[in-house]
Amino acid sequence: MAIAAADILGAILAFGGIIVMLAVFNANIFIKIIDFILLIGVMLITARLAMFSLRPRYATRTNKISQIAAGIYCICLVVAAVYCIVQLFIS
């Protein structure tokens, strides 16, 4: 669950930074490119965390439900980042 806690904090900070930059600079094309790069970074990191948390662990003693919860949350963050990328260039 520590992975999910770090992922929640990172997502709040990353998505907050994206929204603030878009609001302050009125969605300039340079700002959209920076936000795109940030969202790609969020996607890559959370996809790696989802793969890490959903792989089977035989030697360690972790609860299966916490692995599944962290993996589902990471997958939802990847979907949210893709949605933000699409909305970034449509609007």
PDB file of N, CA and C in Angstrom:
ATOM      1  N   MET A   1       0.809  -1.192   0.000  1.00  0.00           N
ATOM      2  CA  MET A   1       0.000   0.000   0.000  1.00  0.00           C
ATOM      3  C   MET A   1       0.856   1.262   0.000  1.00  0.00           C
ATOM      4  N   ALA A   2       2.119   1.130   0.326  1.00  0.00           N
ATOM      5  CA  ALA A   2       3.005   2.294   0.284  1.00  0.00           C
ATOM      6  C   ALA A   2       3.179   2.778  -1.140  1.00  0.00           C
ATOM      7  N   ILE A   3       3.130   1.857  -2.097  1.00  0.00           N
ATOM      8  CA  ILE A   3       3.220   2.248  -3.501  1.00  0.00           C
ATOM      9  C   ILE A   3       2.025   3.110  -3.877  1.00  0.00           C
ATOM     10  N   ALA A   4       0.852   2.711  -3.451  1.00  0.00           N
ATOM     11  CA  ALA A   4      -0.352   3.479  -3.771  1.00  0.00           C
ATOM     12  C   ALA A   4      -0.331   4.836  -3.081  1.00  0.00           C
ATOM     13  N   ALA A   5       0.172   4.897  -1.857  1.00  0.00           N
ATOM     14  CA  ALA A   5       0.238   6.181  -1.154  1.00  0.00           C
ATOM     15  C   ALA A   5       1.191   7.141  -1.861  1.00  0.00           C
ATOM     16  N   ALA A   6       2.336   6.652  -2.286  1.00  0.00           N
ATOM     17  CA  ALA A   6       3.278   7.497  -3.029  1.00  0.00           C
ATOM     18  C   ALA A   6       2.699   7.887  -4.378  1.00  0.00           C
ATOM     19  N   ASP A   7       1.970   6.988  -4.992  1.00  0.00           N
ATOM     20  CA  ASP A   7       1.357   7.264  -6.290  1.00  0.00           C
ATOM     21  C   ASP A   7       0.249   8.308  -6.162  1.00  0.00           C
ATOM     22  N   ILE A   8      -0.516   8.254  -5.081  1.00  0.00           N
ATOM     23  CA  ILE A   8      -1.568   9.253  -4.852  1.00  0.00           C
ATOM     24  C   ILE A   8      -0.961  10.632  -4.679  1.00  0.00           C
ATOM     25  N   LEU A   9       0.059  10.745  -3.852  1.00  0.00           N
ATOM     26  CA  LEU A   9       0.716  12.030  -3.631  1.00  0.00           C
ATOM     27  C   LEU A   9       1.349  12.559  -4.920  1.00  0.00           C
ATOM     28  N   GLY A  10       2.005  11.702  -5.664  1.00  0.00           N
ATOM     29  CA  GLY A  10       2.613  12.122  -6.925  1.00  0.00           C
ATOM     30  C   GLY A  10       1.587  12.555  -7.951  1.00  0.00           C
ATOM     31  N   ALA A  11       0.466  11.867  -8.005  1.00  0.00           N
ATOM     32  CA  ALA A  11      -0.581  12.230  -8.960  1.00  0.00           C
ATOM     33  C   ALA A  11      -1.216  13.568  -8.599  1.00  0.00           C
ATOM     34  N   ILE A  12      -1.437  13.811  -7.320  1.00  0.00           N
ATOM     35  CA  ILE A  12      -2.003  15.094  -6.895  1.00  0.00           C
ATOM     36  C   ILE A  12      -1.064  16.231  -7.277  1.00  0.00           C
ATOM     37  N   LEU A  13       0.220  16.052  -7.025  1.00  0.00           N
ATOM     38  CA  LEU A  13       1.188  17.087  -7.349  1.00  0.00           C
ATOM     39  C   LEU A  13       1.335  17.281  -8.860  1.00  0.00           C
ATOM     40  N   ALA A  14       1.362  16.200  -9.624  1.00  0.00           N
ATOM     41  CA  ALA A  14       1.542  16.310 -11.073  1.00  0.00           C
ATOM     42  C   ALA A  14       0.313  16.909 -11.750  1.00  0.00           C
ATOM     43  N   PHE A  15      -0.866  16.393 -11.431  1.00  0.00           N
ATOM     44  CA  PHE A  15      -2.074  16.928 -12.060  1.00  0.00           C
ATOM     45  C   PHE A  15      -2.357  18.354 -11.589  1.00  0.00           C
ATOM     46  N   GLY A  16      -2.020  18.675 -10.349  1.00  0.00           N
ATOM     47  CA  GLY A  16      -2.168  20.051  -9.870  1.00  0.00           C
ATOM     48  C   GLY A  16      -1.258  21.000 -10.623  1.00  0.00           C
ATOM     49  N   GLY A  17      -0.026  20.589 -10.867  1.00  0.00           N
ATOM     50  CA  GLY A  17       0.898  21.418 -11.630  1.00  0.00           C
ATOM     51  C   GLY A  17       0.446  21.637 -13.057  1.00  0.00           C
ATOM     52  N   ILE A  18      -0.144  20.640 -13.645  1.00  0.00           N
ATOM     53  CA  ILE A  18      -0.642  20.762 -15.022  1.00  0.00           C
ATOM     54  C   ILE A  18      -1.784  21.765 -15.083  1.00  0.00           C
ATOM     55  N   ILE A  19      -2.722  21.670 -14.162  1.00  0.00           N
ATOM     56  CA  ILE A  19      -3.877  22.563 -14.161  1.00  0.00           C
ATOM     57  C   ILE A  19      -3.460  24.002 -13.875  1.00  0.00           C
ATOM     58  N   VAL A  20      -2.550  24.193 -12.929  1.00  0.00           N
ATOM     59  CA  VAL A  20      -2.100  25.550 -12.610  1.00  0.00           C
ATOM     60  C   VAL A  20      -1.400  26.182 -13.810  1.00  0.00           C
ATOM     61  N   MET A  21      -0.541  25.421 -14.487  1.00  0.00           N
ATOM     62  CA  MET A  21       0.159  25.972 -15.649  1.00  0.00           C
ATOM     63  C   MET A  21      -0.812  26.309 -16.773  1.00  0.00           C
ATOM     64  N   LEU A  22      -1.812  25.475 -16.985  1.00  0.00           N
ATOM     65  CA  LEU A  22      -2.800  25.775 -18.020  1.00  0.00           C
ATOM     66  C   LEU A  22      -3.618  27.010 -17.665  1.00  0.00           C
ATOM     67  N   ALA A  23      -3.959  27.176 -16.410  1.00  0.00           N
ATOM     68  CA  ALA A  23      -4.772  28.322 -15.993  1.00  0.00           C
ATOM     69  C   ALA A  23      -3.991  29.631 -16.028  1.00  0.00           C
ATOM     70  N   VAL A  24      -2.748  29.601 -15.610  1.00  0.00           N
ATOM     71  CA  VAL A  24      -1.958  30.825 -15.540  1.00  0.00           C
ATOM     72  C   VAL A  24      -1.557  31.321 -16.928  1.00  0.00           C
ATOM     73  N   PHE A  25      -1.164  30.413 -17.796  1.00  0.00           N
ATOM     74  CA  PHE A  25      -0.635  30.812 -19.100  1.00  0.00           C
ATOM     75  C   PHE A  25      -1.644  30.702 -20.239  1.00  0.00           C
ATOM     76  N   ASN A  26      -2.917  30.527 -19.938  1.00  0.00           N
ATOM     77  CA  ASN A  26      -4.003  30.501 -20.924  1.00  0.00           C
ATOM     78  C   ASN A  26      -3.790  29.479 -22.035  1.00  0.00           C
ATOM     79  N   ALA A  27      -3.290  28.337 -21.713  1.00  0.00           N
ATOM     80  CA  ALA A  27      -3.143  27.209 -22.634  1.00  0.00           C
ATOM     81  C   ALA A  27      -2.306  27.564 -23.855  1.00  0.00           C
ATOM     82  N   ASN A  28      -1.181  28.198 -23.640  1.00  0.00           N
ATOM     83  CA  ASN A  28      -0.219  28.487 -24.696  1.00  0.00           C
ATOM     84  C   ASN A  28       0.308  27.164 -25.261  1.00  0.00           C
ATOM     85  N   ILE A  29       0.722  27.138 -26.526  1.00  0.00           N
ATOM     86  CA  ILE A  29       1.178  25.891 -27.147  1.00  0.00           C
ATOM     87  C   ILE A  29       2.434  25.361 -26.456  1.00  0.00           C
ATOM     88  N   PHE A  30       3.310  26.248 -25.998  1.00  0.00           N
ATOM     89  CA  PHE A  30       4.506  25.815 -25.275  1.00  0.00           C
ATOM     90  C   PHE A  30       4.121  25.142 -23.957  1.00  0.00           C
ATOM     91  N   ILE A  31       3.138  25.682 -23.275  1.00  0.00           N
ATOM     92  CA  ILE A  31       2.657  25.095 -22.020  1.00  0.00           C
ATOM     93  C   ILE A  31       1.977  23.757 -22.286  1.00  0.00           C
ATOM     94  N   LYS A  32       1.251  23.649 -23.389  1.00  0.00           N
ATOM     95  CA  LYS A  32       0.627  22.372 -23.733  1.00  0.00           C
ATOM     96  C   LYS A  32       1.674  21.296 -23.983  1.00  0.00           C
ATOM     97  N   ILE A  33       2.791  21.678 -24.600  1.00  0.00           N
ATOM     98  CA  ILE A  33       3.862  20.704 -24.844  1.00  0.00           C
ATOM     99  C   ILE A  33       4.493  20.263 -23.523  1.00  0.00           C
ATOM    100  N   ILE A  34       4.722  21.205 -22.620  1.00  0.00           N
ATOM    101  CA  ILE A  34       5.273  20.851 -21.302  1.00  0.00           C
ATOM    102  C   ILE A  34       4.309  19.944 -20.546  1.00  0.00           C
ATOM    103  N   ASP A  35       3.021  20.257 -20.584  1.00  0.00           N
ATOM    104  CA  ASP A  35       2.018  19.417 -19.918  1.00  0.00           C
ATOM    105  C   ASP A  35       1.955  18.027 -20.544  1.00  0.00           C
ATOM    106  N   PHE A  36       2.099  17.960 -21.857  1.00  0.00           N
ATOM    107  CA  PHE A  36       2.119  16.672 -22.551  1.00  0.00           C
ATOM    108  C   PHE A  36       3.290  15.820 -22.059  1.00  0.00           C
ATOM    109  N   ILE A  37       4.455  16.431 -21.925  1.00  0.00           N
ATOM    110  CA  ILE A  37       5.629  15.696 -21.444  1.00  0.00           C
ATOM    111  C   ILE A  37       5.422  15.237 -20.004  1.00  0.00           C
ATOM    112  N   LEU A  38       4.839  16.093 -19.167  1.00  0.00           N
ATOM    113  CA  LEU A  38       4.544  15.696 -17.790  1.00  0.00           C
ATOM    114  C   LEU A  38       3.556  14.529 -17.735  1.00  0.00           C
ATOM    115  N   LEU A  39       2.538  14.571 -18.580  1.00  0.00           N
ATOM    116  CA  LEU A  39       1.545  13.490 -18.591  1.00  0.00           C
ATOM    117  C   LEU A  39       2.142  12.180 -19.119  1.00  0.00           C
ATOM    118  N   ILE A  40       3.038  12.262 -20.075  1.00  0.00           N
ATOM    119  CA  ILE A  40       3.720  11.050 -20.541  1.00  0.00           C
ATOM    120  C   ILE A  40       4.553  10.456 -19.400  1.00  0.00           C
ATOM    121  N   GLY A  41       5.214  11.325 -18.628  1.00  0.00           N
ATOM    122  CA  GLY A  41       5.965  10.851 -17.465  1.00  0.00           C
ATOM    123  C   GLY A  41       5.071  10.183 -16.436  1.00  0.00           C
ATOM    124  N   VAL A  42       3.913  10.773 -16.178  1.00  0.00           N
ATOM    125  CA  VAL A  42       2.954  10.171 -15.243  1.00  0.00           C
ATOM    126  C   VAL A  42       2.503   8.810 -15.760  1.00  0.00           C
ATOM    127  N   MET A  43       2.229   8.731 -17.060  1.00  0.00           N
ATOM    128  CA  MET A  43       1.794   7.455 -17.640  1.00  0.00           C
ATOM    129  C   MET A  43       2.867   6.386 -17.507  1.00  0.00           C
ATOM    130  N   LEU A  44       4.102   6.716 -17.809  1.00  0.00           N
ATOM    131  CA  LEU A  44       5.175   5.724 -17.751  1.00  0.00           C
ATOM    132  C   LEU A  44       5.426   5.239 -16.323  1.00  0.00           C
ATOM    133  N   ILE A  45       5.453   6.161 -15.377  1.00  0.00           N
ATOM    134  CA  ILE A  45       5.726   5.779 -13.995  1.00  0.00           C
ATOM    135  C   ILE A  45       4.585   4.948 -13.417  1.00  0.00           C
ATOM    136  N   THR A  46       3.346   5.364 -13.659  1.00  0.00           N
ATOM    137  CA  THR A  46       2.227   4.605 -13.088  1.00  0.00           C
ATOM    138  C   THR A  46       2.032   3.270 -13.794  1.00  0.00           C
ATOM    139  N   ALA A  47       2.353   3.188 -15.076  1.00  0.00           N
ATOM    140  CA  ALA A  47       2.267   1.888 -15.755  1.00  0.00           C
ATOM    141  C   ALA A  47       3.300   0.926 -15.179  1.00  0.00           C
ATOM    142  N   ARG A  48       4.493   1.430 -14.900  1.00  0.00           N
ATOM    143  CA  ARG A  48       5.520   0.580 -14.290  1.00  0.00           C
ATOM    144  C   ARG A  48       5.105   0.156 -12.887  1.00  0.00           C
ATOM    145  N   LEU A  49       4.522   1.070 -12.116  1.00  0.00           N
ATOM    146  CA  LEU A  49       4.056   0.716 -10.774  1.00  0.00           C
ATOM    147  C   LEU A  49       2.912  -0.291 -10.822  1.00  0.00           C
ATOM    148  N   ALA A  50       2.043  -0.176 -11.825  1.00  0.00           N
ATOM    149  CA  ALA A  50       0.952  -1.147 -11.953  1.00  0.00           C
ATOM    150  C   ALA A  50       1.509  -2.535 -12.259  1.00  0.00           C
ATOM    151  N   MET A  51       2.479  -2.599 -13.162  1.00  0.00           N
ATOM    152  CA  MET A  51       3.086  -3.900 -13.464  1.00  0.00           C
ATOM    153  C   MET A  51       3.813  -4.461 -12.241  1.00  0.00           C
ATOM    154  N   PHE A  52       4.478  -3.590 -11.474  1.00  0.00           N
ATOM    155  CA  PHE A  52       5.197  -4.026 -10.281  1.00  0.00           C
ATOM    156  C   PHE A  52       4.249  -4.536  -9.207  1.00  0.00           C
ATOM    157  N   SER A  53       3.121  -3.864  -9.034  1.00  0.00           N
ATOM    158  CA  SER A  53       2.213  -4.269  -7.956  1.00  0.00           C
ATOM    159  C   SER A  53       1.325  -5.447  -8.340  1.00  0.00           C
ATOM    160  N   LEU A  54       1.118  -5.692  -9.618  1.00  0.00           N
ATOM    161  CA  LEU A  54       0.245  -6.788 -10.025  1.00  0.00           C
ATOM    162  C   LEU A  54       0.980  -8.099 -10.323  1.00  0.00           C
ATOM    163  N   ARG A  55       2.309  -8.081 -10.310  1.00  0.00           N
ATOM    164  CA  ARG A  55       3.008  -9.336 -10.564  1.00  0.00           C
ATOM    165  C   ARG A  55       2.929 -10.230  -9.334  1.00  0.00           C
ATOM    166  N   PRO A  56       2.941 -11.534  -9.546  1.00  0.00           N
ATOM    167  CA  PRO A  56       2.807 -12.438  -8.398  1.00  0.00           C
ATOM    168  C   PRO A  56       4.082 -12.455  -7.553  1.00  0.00           C
ATOM    169  N   ARG A  57       3.888 -12.509  -6.252  1.00  0.00           N
ATOM    170  CA  ARG A  57       5.003 -12.589  -5.306  1.00  0.00           C
ATOM    171  C   ARG A  57       4.807 -13.838  -4.464  1.00  0.00           C
ATOM    172  N   TYR A  58       5.722 -14.750  -4.627  1.00  0.00           N
ATOM    173  CA  TYR A  58       5.601 -16.000  -3.895  1.00  0.00           C
ATOM    174  C   TYR A  58       6.421 -15.987  -2.607  1.00  0.00           C
ATOM    175  N   ALA A  59       7.543 -15.286  -2.596  1.00  0.00           N
ATOM    176  CA  ALA A  59       8.432 -15.321  -1.446  1.00  0.00           C
ATOM    177  C   ALA A  59       8.028 -14.318  -0.359  1.00  0.00           C
ATOM    178  N   THR A  60       7.436 -13.205  -0.758  1.00  0.00           N
ATOM    179  CA  THR A  60       7.092 -12.192   0.245  1.00  0.00           C
ATOM    180  C   THR A  60       5.695 -12.446   0.796  1.00  0.00           C
ATOM    181  N   ARG A  61       5.459 -11.872   1.956  1.00  0.00           N
ATOM    182  CA  ARG A  61       4.154 -12.046   2.594  1.00  0.00           C
ATOM    183  C   ARG A  61       3.359 -10.757   2.472  1.00  0.00           C
ATOM    184  N   THR A  62       2.758 -10.541   1.321  1.00  0.00           N
ATOM    185  CA  THR A  62       1.905  -9.376   1.115  1.00  0.00           C
ATOM    186  C   THR A  62       0.481  -9.841   0.888  1.00  0.00           C
ATOM    187  N   ASN A  63      -0.452  -9.000   1.264  1.00  0.00           N
ATOM    188  CA  ASN A  63      -1.855  -9.330   1.047  1.00  0.00           C
ATOM    189  C   ASN A  63      -2.188  -9.170  -0.433  1.00  0.00           C
ATOM    190  N   LYS A  64      -2.886 -10.123  -0.963  1.00  0.00           N
ATOM    191  CA  LYS A  64      -3.246 -10.087  -2.378  1.00  0.00           C
ATOM    192  C   LYS A  64      -4.198  -8.930  -2.673  1.00  0.00           C
ATOM    193  N   ILE A  65      -5.092  -8.628  -1.740  1.00  0.00           N
ATOM    194  CA  ILE A  65      -6.060  -7.555  -1.977  1.00  0.00           C
ATOM    195  C   ILE A  65      -5.374  -6.191  -2.047  1.00  0.00           C
ATOM    196  N   SER A  66      -4.308  -5.982  -1.272  1.00  0.00           N
ATOM    197  CA  SER A  66      -3.588  -4.704  -1.346  1.00  0.00           C
ATOM    198  C   SER A  66      -2.831  -4.585  -2.656  1.00  0.00           C
ATOM    199  N   GLN A  67      -2.311  -5.689  -3.167  1.00  0.00           N
ATOM    200  CA  GLN A  67      -1.659  -5.669  -4.479  1.00  0.00           C
ATOM    201  C   GLN A  67      -2.666  -5.321  -5.569  1.00  0.00           C
ATOM    202  N   ILE A  68      -3.838  -5.907  -5.499  1.00  0.00           N
ATOM    203  CA  ILE A  68      -4.870  -5.651  -6.512  1.00  0.00           C
ATOM    204  C   ILE A  68      -5.366  -4.217  -6.421  1.00  0.00           C
ATOM    205  N   ALA A  69      -5.571  -3.715  -5.211  1.00  0.00           N
ATOM    206  CA  ALA A  69      -6.042  -2.334  -5.040  1.00  0.00           C
ATOM    207  C   ALA A  69      -5.020  -1.334  -5.580  1.00  0.00           C
ATOM    208  N   ALA A  70      -3.746  -1.546  -5.281  1.00  0.00           N
ATOM    209  CA  ALA A  70      -2.705  -0.647  -5.786  1.00  0.00           C
ATOM    210  C   ALA A  70      -2.605  -0.734  -7.301  1.00  0.00           C
ATOM    211  N   GLY A  71      -2.730  -1.923  -7.863  1.00  0.00           N
ATOM    212  CA  GLY A  71      -2.671  -2.091  -9.310  1.00  0.00           C
ATOM    213  C   GLY A  71      -3.838  -1.434 -10.024  1.00  0.00           C
ATOM    214  N   ILE A  72      -5.034  -1.572  -9.471  1.00  0.00           N
ATOM    215  CA  ILE A  72      -6.210  -0.945 -10.083  1.00  0.00           C
ATOM    216  C   ILE A  72      -6.105   0.576 -10.013  1.00  0.00           C
ATOM    217  N   TYR A  73      -5.607   1.100  -8.894  1.00  0.00           N
ATOM    218  CA  TYR A  73      -5.438   2.544  -8.784  1.00  0.00           C
ATOM    219  C   TYR A  73      -4.429   3.056  -9.809  1.00  0.00           C
ATOM    220  N   CYS A  74      -3.344   2.338  -9.991  1.00  0.00           N
ATOM    221  CA  CYS A  74      -2.346   2.750 -10.986  1.00  0.00           C
ATOM    222  C   CYS A  74      -2.917   2.705 -12.395  1.00  0.00           C
ATOM    223  N   ILE A  75      -3.706   1.706 -12.695  1.00  0.00           N
ATOM    224  CA  ILE A  75      -4.331   1.622 -14.017  1.00  0.00           C
ATOM    225  C   ILE A  75      -5.303   2.778 -14.216  1.00  0.00           C
ATOM    226  N   CYS A  76      -6.042   3.133 -13.171  1.00  0.00           N
ATOM    227  CA  CYS A  76      -6.952   4.282 -13.277  1.00  0.00           C
ATOM    228  C   CYS A  76      -6.187   5.586 -13.502  1.00  0.00           C
ATOM    229  N   LEU A  77      -5.010   5.728 -12.909  1.00  0.00           N
ATOM    230  CA  LEU A  77      -4.193   6.913 -13.149  1.00  0.00           C
ATOM    231  C   LEU A  77      -3.686   6.966 -14.587  1.00  0.00           C
ATOM    232  N   VAL A  78      -3.348   5.832 -15.150  1.00  0.00           N
ATOM    233  CA  VAL A  78      -2.924   5.796 -16.553  1.00  0.00           C
ATOM    234  C   VAL A  78      -4.081   6.225 -17.450  1.00  0.00           C
ATOM    235  N   VAL A  79      -5.271   5.742 -17.168  1.00  0.00           N
ATOM    236  CA  VAL A  79      -6.444   6.128 -17.949  1.00  0.00           C
ATOM    237  C   VAL A  79      -6.723   7.621 -17.798  1.00  0.00           C
ATOM    238  N   ALA A  80      -6.574   8.161 -16.592  1.00  0.00           N
ATOM    239  CA  ALA A  80      -6.784   9.595 -16.373  1.00  0.00           C
ATOM    240  C   ALA A  80      -5.751  10.424 -17.128  1.00  0.00           C
ATOM    241  N   ALA A  81      -4.511   9.964 -17.186  1.00  0.00           N
ATOM    242  CA  ALA A  81      -3.477  10.691 -17.925  1.00  0.00           C
ATOM    243  C   ALA A  81      -3.758  10.677 -19.418  1.00  0.00           C
ATOM    244  N   VAL A  82      -4.223   9.545 -19.939  1.00  0.00           N
ATOM    245  CA  VAL A  82      -4.582   9.483 -21.362  1.00  0.00           C
ATOM    246  C   VAL A  82      -5.752  10.418 -21.654  1.00  0.00           C
ATOM    247  N   TYR A  83      -6.733  10.440 -20.778  1.00  0.00           N
ATOM    248  CA  TYR A  83      -7.876  11.331 -20.950  1.00  0.00           C
ATOM    249  C   TYR A  83      -7.431  12.796 -20.946  1.00  0.00           C
ATOM    250  N   CYS A  84      -6.525  13.145 -20.038  1.00  0.00           N
ATOM    251  CA  CYS A  84      -6.026  14.527 -19.977  1.00  0.00           C
ATOM    252  C   CYS A  84      -5.244  14.897 -21.229  1.00  0.00           C
ATOM    253  N   ILE A  85      -4.469  13.949 -21.781  1.00  0.00           N
ATOM    254  CA  ILE A  85      -3.735  14.216 -23.016  1.00  0.00           C
ATOM    255  C   ILE A  85      -4.706  14.491 -24.155  1.00  0.00           C
ATOM    256  N   VAL A  86      -5.749  13.694 -24.247  1.00  0.00           N
ATOM    257  CA  VAL A  86      -6.744  13.896 -25.313  1.00  0.00           C
ATOM    258  C   VAL A  86      -7.434  15.252 -25.138  1.00  0.00           C
ATOM    259  N   GLN A  87      -7.830  15.578 -23.918  1.00  0.00           N
ATOM    260  CA  GLN A  87      -8.512  16.844 -23.675  1.00  0.00           C
ATOM    261  C   GLN A  87      -7.571  18.037 -23.824  1.00  0.00           C
ATOM    262  N   LEU A  88      -6.299  17.819 -23.632  1.00  0.00           N
ATOM    263  CA  LEU A  88      -5.325  18.894 -23.750  1.00  0.00           C
ATOM    264  C   LEU A  88      -5.261  19.432 -25.181  1.00  0.00           C
ATOM    265  N   PHE A  89      -5.347  18.539 -26.144  1.00  0.00           N
ATOM    266  CA  PHE A  89      -5.207  18.969 -27.532  1.00  0.00           C
ATOM    267  C   PHE A  89      -6.527  19.119 -28.275  1.00  0.00           C
ATOM    268  N   ILE A  90      -7.627  18.653 -27.688  1.00  0.00           N
ATOM    269  CA  ILE A  90      -8.936  18.871 -28.311  1.00  0.00           C
ATOM    270  C   ILE A  90      -9.445  20.268 -28.023  1.00  0.00           C
ATOM    271  N   SER A  91      -9.328  20.725 -26.795  1.00  0.00           N
ATOM    272  CA  SER A  91      -9.864  22.026 -26.418  1.00  0.00           C
ATOM    273  C   SER A  91      -8.948  23.163 -26.790  1.00  0.00           C
TER     274      SER A  91
END
